[in-house]
């Protein structure tokens, strides 16, 4: 059986676990303890030298990077709307997965770390300069996402795909970042719409409740 190593509350783990739940895959989940150094043990670093999650082990094959794991799992499942076989549709999904990593979620990650995780794990005071920079980039890239979502309910076609799970992976944390989504109504409604997608709501991190 495939084995997935995660940390509860991680947005990158959530998007992979949402794929598992949505497609009804049989994957053993192993939860590691971030606070106690579970990602830095020699055994885990042998699987993922980055010391990050998630990591998938499938027999003698080990894969890290959440978007790659999502593609691998969905590609191995029977035909599904999360990751359609059509080549151009897949390229569109990949485009948004690359975009979220390089742009949108890169800056949401900064906000989550500075505003939420630092106080939670006693990592020092929030860096106001980093927060201001991240909010500036959010205001640069959120309109791109809002405009796309004005064209349909999901990012690639009429059904949710891996693109939605990837770009939406910070959904549970947005409220705690102090971002005003009323300026981006299509984005705001899309975050709410994701909660109706099978496998998504069930993976919401308890820490953000």
N, C-alpha and C. Protein backbone atom coordinates (compact mmCIF):
# COMPACT_ATOMS: atom_id res chain seq x y z
N UNK A 1 0.84 -1.20 0.00
CA UNK A 1 0.00 0.00 0.00
C UNK A 1 0.88 1.25 0.00
N UNK A 2 0.44 2.27 -0.71
CA UNK A 2 1.15 3.53 -0.72
C UNK A 2 1.10 4.17 0.67
N UNK A 3 2.16 4.88 1.02
CA UNK A 3 2.26 5.50 2.34
C UNK A 3 2.54 6.99 2.15
N UNK A 4 1.74 7.82 2.82
CA UNK A 4 1.86 9.26 2.71
C UNK A 4 2.23 9.85 4.05
N UNK A 5 3.37 10.54 4.09
CA UNK A 5 3.84 11.19 5.32
C UNK A 5 3.36 12.64 5.32
N UNK A 6 2.72 13.05 6.41
CA UNK A 6 2.13 14.39 6.49
C UNK A 6 2.39 15.01 7.86
N UNK A 7 2.12 16.29 7.95
CA UNK A 7 2.02 17.00 9.22
C UNK A 7 0.62 17.59 9.25
N UNK A 8 -0.14 17.31 10.29
CA UNK A 8 -1.50 17.82 10.39
C UNK A 8 -1.48 19.35 10.43
N UNK A 9 -2.34 19.96 9.63
CA UNK A 9 -2.41 21.41 9.56
C UNK A 9 -1.63 22.00 8.41
N UNK A 10 -0.78 21.21 7.76
CA UNK A 10 -0.01 21.70 6.63
C UNK A 10 -0.90 21.88 5.41
N UNK A 11 -0.82 23.05 4.79
CA UNK A 11 -1.63 23.28 3.59
C UNK A 11 -1.18 22.40 2.43
N UNK A 12 0.12 22.14 2.32
CA UNK A 12 0.61 21.29 1.25
C UNK A 12 0.18 19.84 1.43
N UNK A 13 0.08 19.41 2.67
CA UNK A 13 -0.43 18.06 2.91
C UNK A 13 -1.93 17.99 2.65
N UNK A 14 -2.62 19.08 3.00
CA UNK A 14 -4.06 19.08 2.81
C UNK A 14 -4.44 18.82 1.36
N UNK A 15 -3.76 19.48 0.43
CA UNK A 15 -4.17 19.33 -0.96
C UNK A 15 -3.94 17.92 -1.46
N UNK A 16 -2.91 17.24 -0.96
CA UNK A 16 -2.70 15.84 -1.34
C UNK A 16 -3.76 14.95 -0.69
N UNK A 17 -4.02 15.17 0.59
CA UNK A 17 -5.02 14.36 1.27
C UNK A 17 -6.40 14.56 0.67
N UNK A 18 -6.68 15.75 0.14
CA UNK A 18 -7.95 16.00 -0.52
C UNK A 18 -8.08 15.17 -1.79
N UNK A 19 -6.97 14.99 -2.50
CA UNK A 19 -6.98 14.13 -3.69
C UNK A 19 -7.28 12.68 -3.28
N UNK A 20 -6.60 12.23 -2.23
CA UNK A 20 -6.82 10.87 -1.74
C UNK A 20 -8.29 10.66 -1.38
N UNK A 21 -8.86 11.62 -0.63
CA UNK A 21 -10.24 11.49 -0.21
C UNK A 21 -11.22 11.60 -1.36
N UNK A 22 -10.97 12.53 -2.27
CA UNK A 22 -11.88 12.74 -3.40
C UNK A 22 -11.94 11.52 -4.30
N UNK A 23 -10.80 10.89 -4.52
CA UNK A 23 -10.73 9.74 -5.43
C UNK A 23 -10.93 8.40 -4.71
N UNK A 24 -11.07 8.43 -3.39
CA UNK A 24 -11.28 7.20 -2.64
C UNK A 24 -10.11 6.24 -2.72
N UNK A 25 -8.89 6.79 -2.68
CA UNK A 25 -7.69 5.95 -2.81
C UNK A 25 -7.33 5.30 -1.47
N UNK A 26 -6.73 4.14 -1.55
CA UNK A 26 -6.27 3.45 -0.35
C UNK A 26 -4.80 3.82 -0.13
N UNK A 27 -4.59 4.78 0.72
CA UNK A 27 -3.25 5.28 1.03
C UNK A 27 -3.11 5.35 2.54
N UNK A 28 -2.06 4.75 3.07
CA UNK A 28 -1.81 4.82 4.50
C UNK A 28 -1.18 6.18 4.83
N UNK A 29 -1.78 6.90 5.77
CA UNK A 29 -1.27 8.20 6.16
C UNK A 29 -0.48 8.09 7.46
N UNK A 30 0.74 8.63 7.45
CA UNK A 30 1.60 8.64 8.62
C UNK A 30 1.79 10.10 9.05
N UNK A 31 1.24 10.45 10.20
CA UNK A 31 1.34 11.83 10.69
C UNK A 31 2.61 12.01 11.50
N UNK A 32 3.44 12.96 11.10
CA UNK A 32 4.68 13.28 11.80
C UNK A 32 4.46 14.47 12.72
N UNK A 33 5.25 14.55 13.78
CA UNK A 33 5.14 15.64 14.75
C UNK A 33 6.20 16.69 14.43
N UNK A 34 5.75 17.81 13.86
CA UNK A 34 6.69 18.88 13.49
C UNK A 34 7.40 19.44 14.72
N UNK A 35 6.64 19.67 15.79
CA UNK A 35 7.19 20.33 16.97
C UNK A 35 8.29 19.53 17.63
N UNK A 36 8.20 18.21 17.57
CA UNK A 36 9.20 17.37 18.24
C UNK A 36 10.33 16.94 17.30
N UNK A 37 10.36 17.49 16.10
CA UNK A 37 11.46 17.19 15.19
C UNK A 37 11.25 15.98 14.32
N UNK A 38 9.99 15.59 14.10
CA UNK A 38 9.71 14.41 13.31
C UNK A 38 10.17 14.48 11.87
N UNK A 39 10.37 15.70 11.37
CA UNK A 39 10.81 15.86 9.99
C UNK A 39 12.33 15.85 9.86
N UNK A 40 13.04 15.79 10.99
CA UNK A 40 14.50 15.88 10.96
C UNK A 40 15.18 14.58 11.37
N UNK A 41 14.42 13.51 11.54
CA UNK A 41 15.05 12.25 11.91
C UNK A 41 15.82 11.68 10.72
N UNK A 42 16.87 10.91 10.95
CA UNK A 42 17.62 10.32 9.84
C UNK A 42 16.74 9.47 8.94
N UNK A 43 15.78 8.76 9.55
CA UNK A 43 14.89 7.88 8.77
C UNK A 43 14.05 8.69 7.79
N UNK A 44 13.52 9.83 8.28
CA UNK A 44 12.67 10.62 7.38
C UNK A 44 13.51 11.38 6.34
N UNK A 45 14.66 11.90 6.75
CA UNK A 45 15.51 12.62 5.81
C UNK A 45 16.02 11.70 4.70
N UNK A 46 16.08 10.40 4.97
CA UNK A 46 16.46 9.46 3.92
C UNK A 46 15.38 9.38 2.85
N UNK A 47 14.13 9.68 3.23
CA UNK A 47 13.02 9.70 2.27
C UNK A 47 12.91 11.05 1.59
N UNK A 48 13.04 12.12 2.38
CA UNK A 48 12.91 13.47 1.86
C UNK A 48 14.03 14.34 2.44
N UNK A 49 15.10 14.53 1.69
CA UNK A 49 16.26 15.27 2.22
C UNK A 49 15.97 16.74 2.49
N UNK A 50 14.82 17.23 2.02
CA UNK A 50 14.43 18.61 2.31
C UNK A 50 13.90 18.77 3.73
N UNK A 51 13.53 17.67 4.37
CA UNK A 51 12.94 17.74 5.70
C UNK A 51 11.60 18.43 5.69
N UNK A 52 10.81 18.20 4.63
CA UNK A 52 9.50 18.81 4.50
C UNK A 52 8.45 17.73 4.21
N UNK A 53 7.20 18.15 4.24
CA UNK A 53 6.10 17.25 3.90
C UNK A 53 5.27 17.91 2.81
N UNK A 54 4.53 17.07 2.06
CA UNK A 54 4.34 15.63 2.21
C UNK A 54 5.41 14.83 1.45
N UNK A 55 5.45 13.54 1.75
CA UNK A 55 6.27 12.58 1.02
C UNK A 55 5.44 11.34 0.77
N UNK A 56 5.48 10.82 -0.44
CA UNK A 56 4.76 9.60 -0.80
C UNK A 56 5.75 8.48 -1.06
N UNK A 57 5.48 7.33 -0.47
CA UNK A 57 6.28 6.13 -0.74
C UNK A 57 5.36 5.10 -1.38
N UNK A 58 5.73 4.68 -2.59
CA UNK A 58 4.95 3.70 -3.34
C UNK A 58 5.87 2.56 -3.72
N UNK A 59 5.95 1.55 -2.85
CA UNK A 59 6.89 0.47 -3.08
C UNK A 59 8.31 0.97 -3.01
N UNK A 60 9.06 0.81 -4.10
CA UNK A 60 10.45 1.26 -4.11
C UNK A 60 10.60 2.66 -4.68
N UNK A 61 9.47 3.34 -4.86
CA UNK A 61 9.49 4.69 -5.43
C UNK A 61 9.08 5.71 -4.37
N UNK A 62 9.90 6.75 -4.21
CA UNK A 62 9.62 7.80 -3.25
C UNK A 62 9.50 9.13 -3.98
N UNK A 63 8.47 9.89 -3.62
CA UNK A 63 8.20 11.15 -4.32
C UNK A 63 7.89 12.24 -3.31
N UNK A 64 8.54 13.40 -3.46
CA UNK A 64 8.17 14.57 -2.67
C UNK A 64 7.86 15.72 -3.63
N UNK A 65 7.33 16.80 -3.07
CA UNK A 65 6.72 17.96 -3.75
C UNK A 65 5.23 17.67 -3.95
N UNK A 66 4.42 18.47 -3.25
CA UNK A 66 2.99 18.18 -3.16
C UNK A 66 2.29 18.15 -4.51
N UNK A 67 2.58 19.09 -5.40
CA UNK A 67 1.89 19.09 -6.69
C UNK A 67 2.25 17.87 -7.53
N UNK A 68 3.51 17.44 -7.45
CA UNK A 68 3.91 16.23 -8.16
C UNK A 68 3.20 15.00 -7.59
N UNK A 69 3.06 14.94 -6.28
CA UNK A 69 2.36 13.81 -5.65
C UNK A 69 0.90 13.80 -6.08
N UNK A 70 0.28 14.97 -6.12
CA UNK A 70 -1.12 15.04 -6.57
C UNK A 70 -1.27 14.49 -7.98
N UNK A 71 -0.38 14.89 -8.87
CA UNK A 71 -0.44 14.42 -10.25
C UNK A 71 -0.23 12.91 -10.33
N UNK A 72 0.73 12.42 -9.57
CA UNK A 72 1.05 10.99 -9.57
C UNK A 72 -0.15 10.17 -9.10
N UNK A 73 -0.75 10.58 -8.00
CA UNK A 73 -1.88 9.83 -7.46
C UNK A 73 -3.08 9.86 -8.40
N UNK A 74 -3.39 11.05 -8.92
CA UNK A 74 -4.55 11.17 -9.80
C UNK A 74 -4.32 10.48 -11.14
N UNK A 75 -3.10 10.48 -11.62
CA UNK A 75 -2.79 9.81 -12.88
C UNK A 75 -2.93 8.30 -12.75
N UNK A 76 -2.66 7.78 -11.56
CA UNK A 76 -2.76 6.34 -11.35
C UNK A 76 -4.16 5.85 -11.05
N UNK A 77 -5.10 6.78 -10.88
CA UNK A 77 -6.49 6.42 -10.61
C UNK A 77 -7.25 6.27 -11.92
N UNK A 78 -8.39 5.57 -11.90
CA UNK A 78 -9.22 5.51 -13.11
C UNK A 78 -9.60 6.92 -13.56
N UNK A 79 -10.09 7.02 -14.81
CA UNK A 79 -10.45 8.33 -15.36
C UNK A 79 -11.23 9.14 -14.34
N UNK A 80 -10.81 10.38 -14.14
CA UNK A 80 -11.45 11.22 -13.14
C UNK A 80 -11.38 12.67 -13.58
N UNK A 81 -12.27 13.49 -13.02
CA UNK A 81 -12.34 14.90 -13.42
C UNK A 81 -11.32 15.76 -12.70
N UNK A 82 -10.68 15.22 -11.66
CA UNK A 82 -9.63 15.99 -11.00
C UNK A 82 -8.42 16.18 -11.90
N UNK A 83 -8.15 15.18 -12.74
CA UNK A 83 -6.96 15.22 -13.59
C UNK A 83 -7.28 14.53 -14.90
N UNK A 84 -8.08 15.19 -15.75
CA UNK A 84 -8.52 14.57 -17.01
C UNK A 84 -7.35 14.18 -17.90
N UNK A 85 -7.58 13.20 -18.76
CA UNK A 85 -6.50 12.70 -19.62
C UNK A 85 -6.16 13.65 -20.76
N UNK A 86 -7.06 14.54 -21.11
CA UNK A 86 -6.81 15.46 -22.21
C UNK A 86 -5.55 16.28 -21.96
N UNK A 87 -4.66 16.30 -22.94
CA UNK A 87 -3.36 16.93 -22.76
C UNK A 87 -3.42 18.42 -22.50
N UNK A 88 -4.25 19.15 -23.23
CA UNK A 88 -4.31 20.60 -23.04
C UNK A 88 -4.93 20.94 -21.68
N UNK A 89 -5.91 20.15 -21.26
CA UNK A 89 -6.49 20.38 -19.93
C UNK A 89 -5.44 20.19 -18.85
N UNK A 90 -4.62 19.17 -19.01
CA UNK A 90 -3.56 18.94 -18.02
C UNK A 90 -2.54 20.08 -18.00
N UNK A 91 -2.22 20.61 -19.16
CA UNK A 91 -1.30 21.74 -19.20
C UNK A 91 -1.89 22.94 -18.48
N UNK A 92 -3.19 23.17 -18.63
CA UNK A 92 -3.83 24.26 -17.91
C UNK A 92 -3.77 24.04 -16.39
N UNK A 93 -3.99 22.80 -15.96
CA UNK A 93 -3.87 22.47 -14.54
C UNK A 93 -2.45 22.73 -14.06
N UNK A 94 -1.46 22.30 -14.84
CA UNK A 94 -0.07 22.50 -14.46
C UNK A 94 0.26 24.00 -14.38
N UNK A 95 -0.29 24.76 -15.33
CA UNK A 95 -0.03 26.21 -15.34
C UNK A 95 -0.41 26.84 -14.00
N UNK A 96 -1.60 26.50 -13.49
CA UNK A 96 -2.07 27.08 -12.24
C UNK A 96 -1.30 26.53 -11.04
N UNK A 97 -0.87 25.28 -11.14
CA UNK A 97 -0.06 24.73 -10.04
C UNK A 97 1.31 25.41 -9.98
N UNK A 98 1.90 25.69 -11.13
CA UNK A 98 3.17 26.43 -11.14
C UNK A 98 2.94 27.85 -10.62
N UNK A 99 1.85 28.47 -11.03
CA UNK A 99 1.55 29.85 -10.65
C UNK A 99 1.36 29.99 -9.15
N UNK A 100 0.64 29.06 -8.56
CA UNK A 100 0.41 29.18 -7.10
C UNK A 100 1.72 29.07 -6.33
N UNK A 101 2.61 28.21 -6.79
CA UNK A 101 3.88 28.03 -6.09
C UNK A 101 4.78 29.26 -6.24
N UNK A 102 4.84 29.81 -7.44
CA UNK A 102 5.75 30.93 -7.70
C UNK A 102 5.19 32.26 -7.24
N UNK A 103 3.87 32.39 -7.20
CA UNK A 103 3.28 33.70 -6.96
C UNK A 103 2.28 33.71 -5.80
N UNK A 104 1.07 33.29 -6.06
CA UNK A 104 -0.04 33.51 -5.12
C UNK A 104 0.20 32.89 -3.75
N UNK A 105 0.38 31.59 -3.69
CA UNK A 105 0.54 30.93 -2.39
C UNK A 105 1.92 31.17 -1.78
N UNK A 106 2.86 31.57 -2.59
CA UNK A 106 4.17 31.94 -2.03
C UNK A 106 3.99 33.06 -1.00
N UNK A 107 3.16 34.05 -1.33
CA UNK A 107 2.99 35.19 -0.44
C UNK A 107 1.96 34.92 0.65
N UNK A 108 0.97 34.08 0.35
CA UNK A 108 0.07 33.67 1.43
C UNK A 108 0.84 32.89 2.48
N UNK A 109 1.82 32.12 2.03
CA UNK A 109 2.65 31.38 2.97
C UNK A 109 3.42 32.31 3.90
N UNK A 110 3.92 33.42 3.36
CA UNK A 110 4.62 34.40 4.19
C UNK A 110 3.67 34.98 5.25
N UNK A 111 2.45 35.33 4.83
CA UNK A 111 1.48 35.87 5.77
C UNK A 111 1.11 34.85 6.85
N UNK A 112 0.90 33.60 6.44
CA UNK A 112 0.55 32.57 7.41
C UNK A 112 1.66 32.38 8.44
N UNK A 113 2.90 32.39 7.95
CA UNK A 113 4.04 32.20 8.86
C UNK A 113 4.17 33.36 9.83
N UNK A 114 4.12 34.58 9.32
CA UNK A 114 4.36 35.75 10.16
C UNK A 114 3.20 36.01 11.13
N UNK A 115 1.97 35.86 10.66
CA UNK A 115 0.81 36.25 11.46
C UNK A 115 0.28 35.13 12.33
N UNK A 116 0.37 33.88 11.85
CA UNK A 116 -0.26 32.77 12.55
C UNK A 116 0.74 31.80 13.18
N UNK A 117 1.72 31.37 12.40
CA UNK A 117 2.61 30.33 12.90
C UNK A 117 3.64 30.83 13.90
N UNK A 118 4.16 32.03 13.70
CA UNK A 118 5.13 32.55 14.67
C UNK A 118 4.55 32.59 16.09
N UNK A 119 3.38 33.17 16.27
CA UNK A 119 2.80 33.16 17.63
C UNK A 119 2.48 31.75 18.12
N UNK A 120 2.03 30.88 17.21
CA UNK A 120 1.63 29.54 17.60
C UNK A 120 2.80 28.72 18.13
N UNK A 121 3.97 28.89 17.50
CA UNK A 121 5.14 28.08 17.85
C UNK A 121 6.22 28.90 18.56
N UNK A 122 5.88 30.09 19.04
CA UNK A 122 6.83 30.94 19.77
C UNK A 122 8.12 31.16 18.98
N UNK A 123 7.94 31.61 17.73
CA UNK A 123 9.07 31.80 16.83
C UNK A 123 9.49 33.26 16.72
N UNK A 124 9.05 34.08 17.65
CA UNK A 124 9.42 35.48 17.63
C UNK A 124 8.29 36.37 17.16
N UNK A 125 8.59 37.66 17.08
CA UNK A 125 7.58 38.64 16.69
C UNK A 125 7.39 38.66 15.17
N UNK A 126 6.16 38.89 14.73
CA UNK A 126 5.93 39.02 13.29
C UNK A 126 6.76 40.14 12.69
N UNK A 127 7.28 39.92 11.51
CA UNK A 127 8.08 40.92 10.80
C UNK A 127 7.13 41.78 9.97
N UNK A 128 6.90 43.01 10.39
CA UNK A 128 5.93 43.87 9.73
C UNK A 128 6.34 44.20 8.29
N UNK A 129 7.63 44.27 8.03
CA UNK A 129 8.08 44.54 6.66
C UNK A 129 7.73 43.38 5.74
N UNK A 130 7.93 42.16 6.23
CA UNK A 130 7.57 40.99 5.42
C UNK A 130 6.07 40.92 5.21
N UNK A 131 5.31 41.26 6.24
CA UNK A 131 3.85 41.24 6.12
C UNK A 131 3.38 42.26 5.08
N UNK A 132 3.94 43.45 5.13
CA UNK A 132 3.56 44.48 4.17
C UNK A 132 3.92 44.08 2.74
N UNK A 133 5.10 43.48 2.57
CA UNK A 133 5.52 43.03 1.25
C UNK A 133 4.57 41.95 0.73
N UNK A 134 4.24 41.00 1.59
CA UNK A 134 3.37 39.90 1.18
C UNK A 134 1.97 40.40 0.82
N UNK A 135 1.44 41.33 1.61
CA UNK A 135 0.12 41.88 1.30
C UNK A 135 0.14 42.63 -0.03
N UNK A 136 1.25 43.30 -0.32
CA UNK A 136 1.37 43.99 -1.60
C UNK A 136 1.32 43.01 -2.77
N UNK A 137 2.02 41.88 -2.62
CA UNK A 137 2.00 40.89 -3.70
C UNK A 137 0.65 40.17 -3.78
N UNK A 138 -0.01 39.98 -2.62
CA UNK A 138 -1.36 39.41 -2.66
C UNK A 138 -2.27 40.32 -3.50
N UNK A 139 -2.18 41.62 -3.28
CA UNK A 139 -3.02 42.56 -4.02
C UNK A 139 -2.63 42.63 -5.50
N UNK A 140 -1.44 42.17 -5.82
CA UNK A 140 -1.03 42.10 -7.23
C UNK A 140 -1.59 40.85 -7.91
N UNK A 141 -1.56 39.72 -7.20
CA UNK A 141 -1.93 38.46 -7.84
C UNK A 141 -3.38 38.05 -7.61
N UNK A 142 -4.02 38.51 -6.54
CA UNK A 142 -5.41 38.17 -6.30
C UNK A 142 -6.32 38.61 -7.45
N UNK A 143 -6.11 39.79 -8.06
CA UNK A 143 -6.95 40.16 -9.19
C UNK A 143 -6.83 39.20 -10.38
N UNK A 144 -5.65 38.62 -10.56
CA UNK A 144 -5.47 37.64 -11.64
C UNK A 144 -6.37 36.43 -11.39
N UNK A 145 -6.38 35.97 -10.16
CA UNK A 145 -7.20 34.82 -9.80
C UNK A 145 -8.69 35.18 -9.85
N UNK A 146 -9.03 36.35 -9.36
CA UNK A 146 -10.43 36.78 -9.36
C UNK A 146 -10.96 36.88 -10.79
N UNK A 147 -10.15 37.42 -11.70
CA UNK A 147 -10.58 37.54 -13.09
C UNK A 147 -10.79 36.18 -13.72
N UNK A 148 -9.91 35.25 -13.42
CA UNK A 148 -10.07 33.90 -13.96
C UNK A 148 -11.37 33.28 -13.46
N UNK A 149 -11.64 33.44 -12.17
CA UNK A 149 -12.81 32.82 -11.56
C UNK A 149 -14.11 33.53 -11.95
N UNK A 150 -14.01 34.69 -12.56
CA UNK A 150 -15.22 35.35 -13.09
C UNK A 150 -15.73 34.64 -14.33
N UNK A 151 -14.91 33.75 -14.90
CA UNK A 151 -15.26 33.06 -16.13
C UNK A 151 -15.90 31.70 -15.90
N UNK A 152 -15.90 31.21 -14.67
CA UNK A 152 -16.48 29.91 -14.39
C UNK A 152 -16.32 29.56 -12.93
N UNK A 153 -16.97 28.48 -12.48
CA UNK A 153 -16.96 28.14 -11.05
C UNK A 153 -15.62 27.64 -10.54
N UNK A 154 -14.80 27.08 -11.43
CA UNK A 154 -13.51 26.53 -11.02
C UNK A 154 -12.43 26.99 -12.00
N UNK A 155 -11.20 26.69 -11.68
CA UNK A 155 -10.09 27.25 -12.44
C UNK A 155 -9.94 26.68 -13.85
N UNK A 156 -10.21 25.38 -14.00
CA UNK A 156 -10.04 24.74 -15.31
C UNK A 156 -11.32 23.96 -15.62
N UNK A 157 -12.24 24.61 -16.28
CA UNK A 157 -13.48 23.94 -16.65
C UNK A 157 -14.56 24.06 -15.58
N UNK A 158 -15.60 23.26 -15.77
CA UNK A 158 -16.79 23.35 -14.91
C UNK A 158 -16.67 22.53 -13.63
N UNK A 159 -15.64 21.70 -13.53
CA UNK A 159 -15.47 20.83 -12.37
C UNK A 159 -14.17 21.17 -11.64
N UNK A 160 -14.12 20.90 -10.34
CA UNK A 160 -12.85 21.10 -9.63
C UNK A 160 -11.78 20.15 -10.13
N UNK A 161 -10.56 20.64 -10.19
CA UNK A 161 -9.42 19.84 -10.61
C UNK A 161 -8.29 19.99 -9.60
N UNK A 162 -7.18 19.35 -9.90
CA UNK A 162 -6.00 19.52 -9.05
C UNK A 162 -5.62 20.99 -8.92
N UNK A 163 -5.90 21.78 -9.94
CA UNK A 163 -5.56 23.20 -9.89
C UNK A 163 -6.27 23.89 -8.73
N UNK A 164 -7.53 23.56 -8.51
CA UNK A 164 -8.29 24.19 -7.42
C UNK A 164 -7.75 23.77 -6.06
N UNK A 165 -7.42 22.50 -5.91
CA UNK A 165 -6.87 22.03 -4.63
C UNK A 165 -5.52 22.69 -4.35
N UNK A 166 -4.71 22.87 -5.40
CA UNK A 166 -3.39 23.48 -5.21
C UNK A 166 -3.51 24.97 -4.87
N UNK A 167 -4.22 25.70 -5.71
CA UNK A 167 -4.32 27.14 -5.50
C UNK A 167 -5.11 27.45 -4.22
N UNK A 168 -6.08 26.60 -3.90
CA UNK A 168 -6.91 26.84 -2.73
C UNK A 168 -6.38 26.29 -1.43
N UNK A 169 -5.14 25.85 -1.41
CA UNK A 169 -4.64 25.10 -0.26
C UNK A 169 -4.55 25.92 1.03
N UNK A 170 -4.52 27.25 0.92
CA UNK A 170 -4.48 28.09 2.12
C UNK A 170 -5.87 28.54 2.56
N UNK A 171 -6.91 27.95 1.99
CA UNK A 171 -8.28 28.40 2.25
C UNK A 171 -8.60 28.52 3.73
N UNK A 172 -8.17 27.57 4.54
CA UNK A 172 -8.52 27.56 5.96
C UNK A 172 -7.80 28.66 6.74
N UNK A 173 -6.77 29.26 6.16
CA UNK A 173 -5.97 30.25 6.88
C UNK A 173 -6.26 31.69 6.46
N UNK A 174 -6.95 31.87 5.35
CA UNK A 174 -7.12 33.22 4.81
C UNK A 174 -7.79 34.15 5.81
N UNK A 175 -8.79 33.65 6.53
CA UNK A 175 -9.48 34.49 7.50
C UNK A 175 -8.57 35.01 8.58
N UNK A 176 -7.60 34.20 9.00
CA UNK A 176 -6.67 34.60 10.06
C UNK A 176 -5.59 35.54 9.60
N UNK A 177 -5.48 35.76 8.29
CA UNK A 177 -4.45 36.65 7.76
C UNK A 177 -4.91 38.10 7.68
N UNK A 178 -6.18 38.36 7.94
CA UNK A 178 -6.69 39.72 7.88
C UNK A 178 -6.85 40.25 6.48
N UNK A 179 -7.04 39.37 5.49
CA UNK A 179 -7.22 39.81 4.11
C UNK A 179 -8.69 40.10 3.83
N UNK A 180 -8.95 41.16 3.11
CA UNK A 180 -10.32 41.54 2.77
C UNK A 180 -10.67 40.97 1.40
N UNK A 181 -11.40 39.87 1.41
CA UNK A 181 -11.76 39.23 0.14
C UNK A 181 -12.96 39.88 -0.52
N UNK A 182 -13.60 40.84 0.15
CA UNK A 182 -14.74 41.50 -0.47
C UNK A 182 -14.34 42.27 -1.72
N UNK A 183 -13.06 42.61 -1.82
CA UNK A 183 -12.57 43.28 -3.03
C UNK A 183 -12.44 42.30 -4.20
N UNK A 184 -12.51 41.01 -3.89
CA UNK A 184 -12.34 39.97 -4.90
C UNK A 184 -13.50 38.98 -4.76
N UNK A 185 -14.70 39.35 -5.20
CA UNK A 185 -15.89 38.54 -4.92
C UNK A 185 -15.86 37.16 -5.55
N UNK A 186 -15.27 37.03 -6.72
CA UNK A 186 -15.22 35.71 -7.37
C UNK A 186 -14.27 34.78 -6.61
N UNK A 187 -13.17 35.35 -6.13
CA UNK A 187 -12.23 34.58 -5.32
C UNK A 187 -12.87 34.18 -4.00
N UNK A 188 -13.55 35.12 -3.36
CA UNK A 188 -14.23 34.84 -2.09
C UNK A 188 -15.25 33.71 -2.26
N UNK A 189 -16.06 33.78 -3.31
CA UNK A 189 -17.09 32.77 -3.51
C UNK A 189 -16.48 31.41 -3.87
N UNK A 190 -15.35 31.44 -4.57
CA UNK A 190 -14.67 30.18 -4.93
C UNK A 190 -14.15 29.47 -3.69
N UNK A 191 -13.57 30.22 -2.76
CA UNK A 191 -13.12 29.60 -1.52
C UNK A 191 -14.30 28.92 -0.82
N UNK A 192 -15.44 29.57 -0.78
CA UNK A 192 -16.62 28.97 -0.15
C UNK A 192 -17.11 27.77 -0.95
N UNK A 193 -17.03 27.84 -2.26
CA UNK A 193 -17.48 26.75 -3.13
C UNK A 193 -16.64 25.49 -2.92
N UNK A 194 -15.37 25.66 -2.65
CA UNK A 194 -14.50 24.51 -2.45
C UNK A 194 -15.00 23.61 -1.31
N UNK A 195 -15.66 24.21 -0.33
CA UNK A 195 -16.12 23.42 0.82
C UNK A 195 -17.19 22.40 0.46
N UNK A 196 -17.76 22.52 -0.73
CA UNK A 196 -18.76 21.55 -1.17
C UNK A 196 -18.15 20.41 -1.99
N UNK A 197 -16.84 20.48 -2.23
CA UNK A 197 -16.18 19.47 -3.06
C UNK A 197 -15.83 18.26 -2.21
N UNK A 198 -16.23 17.05 -2.62
CA UNK A 198 -15.92 15.85 -1.84
C UNK A 198 -14.43 15.72 -1.57
N UNK A 199 -14.11 15.39 -0.33
CA UNK A 199 -12.71 15.21 0.05
C UNK A 199 -12.03 16.48 0.48
N UNK A 200 -12.63 17.65 0.23
CA UNK A 200 -11.97 18.90 0.58
C UNK A 200 -12.30 19.34 2.00
N UNK A 201 -13.58 19.50 2.29
CA UNK A 201 -13.98 19.98 3.63
C UNK A 201 -13.44 19.05 4.73
N UNK A 202 -13.39 17.75 4.45
CA UNK A 202 -12.96 16.78 5.45
C UNK A 202 -11.48 16.94 5.81
N UNK A 203 -10.72 17.65 4.97
CA UNK A 203 -9.29 17.79 5.22
C UNK A 203 -8.94 19.14 5.85
N UNK A 204 -9.93 19.95 6.19
CA UNK A 204 -9.65 21.24 6.81
C UNK A 204 -8.85 21.05 8.09
N UNK A 205 -7.76 21.77 8.27
CA UNK A 205 -6.91 21.58 9.47
C UNK A 205 -7.62 22.01 10.74
N UNK A 206 -7.50 21.20 11.78
CA UNK A 206 -8.13 21.52 13.06
C UNK A 206 -7.58 22.81 13.64
N UNK A 207 -6.30 23.09 13.38
CA UNK A 207 -5.65 24.26 13.96
C UNK A 207 -6.23 25.56 13.45
N UNK A 208 -6.95 25.50 12.32
CA UNK A 208 -7.52 26.73 11.77
C UNK A 208 -8.98 26.87 12.11
N UNK A 209 -9.53 25.93 12.86
CA UNK A 209 -10.95 25.96 13.17
C UNK A 209 -11.25 27.09 14.13
